[in-house]
Amino acid sequence: MTEPRLIGRKDAAAYCGIGESTFSLWVANHKMPPAIAGTRKWDKRAIDARLDEISGIGIEEKEDDFDRMQRESDARRAKRNR
């Protein structure tokens, strides 16, 4: 049996290796994507993509100045929220 792609808050937090309250804080601070509209479920791929952005993985070479500034701002905010 395959694992579901959509997961609840408890599983999403565990997937990230953080507590549920921390995950909720990260969602509120836009560090993590919001739940899919009309649900209380998160897409694992969206979580992976956001973690890749925060950690600097997958940054395209043609990143424009705005995207770079946003990524760096998110990284600084993530450090402060640890």
Protein backbone atom coordinates (compact mmCIF):
# COMPACT_ATOMS: atom_id res chain seq x y z
CA MET A 1 0.00 0.00 0.00
CA THR A 2 1.31 3.44 -0.89
CA GLU A 3 1.50 6.29 1.58
CA PRO A 4 -1.09 9.04 1.08
CA ARG A 5 0.14 12.24 -0.52
CA LEU A 6 -2.19 14.38 1.59
CA ILE A 7 -1.55 14.34 5.32
CA GLY A 8 -3.05 15.96 8.40
CA ARG A 9 -1.31 18.44 10.68
CA LYS A 10 0.01 15.80 13.09
CA ASP A 11 1.54 13.75 10.26
CA ALA A 12 2.79 16.88 8.47
CA ALA A 13 4.60 17.98 11.62
CA ALA A 14 6.09 14.52 12.10
CA TYR A 15 7.10 14.48 8.41
CA CYS A 16 9.05 17.71 9.02
CA GLY A 17 10.46 16.43 12.30
CA ILE A 18 8.87 19.20 14.37
CA GLY A 19 6.06 19.50 16.89
CA GLU A 20 2.47 20.20 15.89
CA SER A 21 2.47 23.66 17.45
CA THR A 22 5.70 24.55 15.64
CA PHE A 23 4.21 23.34 12.36
CA SER A 24 1.13 25.52 12.96
CA LEU A 25 3.39 28.50 13.68
CA TRP A 26 5.35 27.86 10.50
CA VAL A 27 2.11 27.75 8.49
CA ALA A 28 0.94 31.00 10.12
CA ASN A 29 4.31 32.61 9.29
CA HIS A 30 4.17 31.33 5.68
CA LYS A 31 7.23 29.15 6.25
CA MET A 32 5.08 26.14 5.31
CA PRO A 33 2.30 26.07 2.74
CA PRO A 34 -1.28 26.34 3.94
CA ALA A 35 -3.60 23.35 4.03
CA ILE A 36 -5.33 22.60 0.75
CA ALA A 37 -8.38 24.83 0.45
CA GLY A 38 -11.47 23.28 2.01
CA THR A 39 -9.47 20.63 3.86
CA ARG A 40 -7.23 20.18 6.85
CA LYS A 41 -4.70 18.31 4.74
CA TRP A 42 -1.25 19.26 3.44
CA ASP A 43 0.37 18.06 0.25
CA LYS A 44 3.70 16.34 0.95
CA ARG A 45 5.10 17.65 -2.32
CA ALA A 46 4.24 21.23 -1.37
CA ILE A 47 5.96 20.70 1.98
CA ASP A 48 9.00 19.24 0.22
CA ALA A 49 9.13 22.17 -2.21
CA ARG A 50 8.93 24.68 0.64
CA LEU A 51 11.66 22.89 2.61
CA ASP A 52 13.80 22.88 -0.53
CA GLU A 53 13.33 26.65 -0.85
CA ILE A 54 14.16 27.29 2.79
CA SER A 55 17.27 25.12 2.72
CA GLY A 56 18.46 26.53 -0.61
CA ILE A 57 18.04 23.27 -2.52
CA GLY A 58 16.66 23.62 -6.01
CA ILE A 59 17.34 27.28 -6.45
CA GLU A 60 17.43 28.02 -10.13
CA GLU A 61 20.44 29.79 -11.54
CA LYS A 62 18.16 32.35 -13.21
CA GLU A 63 16.73 33.49 -9.90
CA ASP A 64 15.71 37.14 -10.14
CA ASP A 65 16.53 39.72 -7.48
CA PHE A 66 13.06 39.66 -5.94
CA ASP A 67 13.04 35.85 -5.59
CA ARG A 68 16.55 35.92 -4.10
CA MET A 69 15.56 38.61 -1.60
CA GLN A 70 12.40 36.66 -0.67
CA ARG A 71 14.38 33.42 -0.22
CA GLU A 72 17.00 35.15 1.93
CA SER A 73 14.30 36.85 3.99
CA ASP A 74 12.56 33.51 4.54
CA ALA A 75 15.86 31.93 5.60
CA ARG A 76 16.51 34.74 8.12
CA ARG A 77 12.97 34.43 9.46
CA ALA A 78 13.39 30.66 9.77
CA LYS A 79 16.56 31.16 11.83
CA ARG A 80 14.81 33.59 14.17
CA ASN A 81 11.89 31.18 14.68
CA ARG A 82 14.05 28.24 15.75
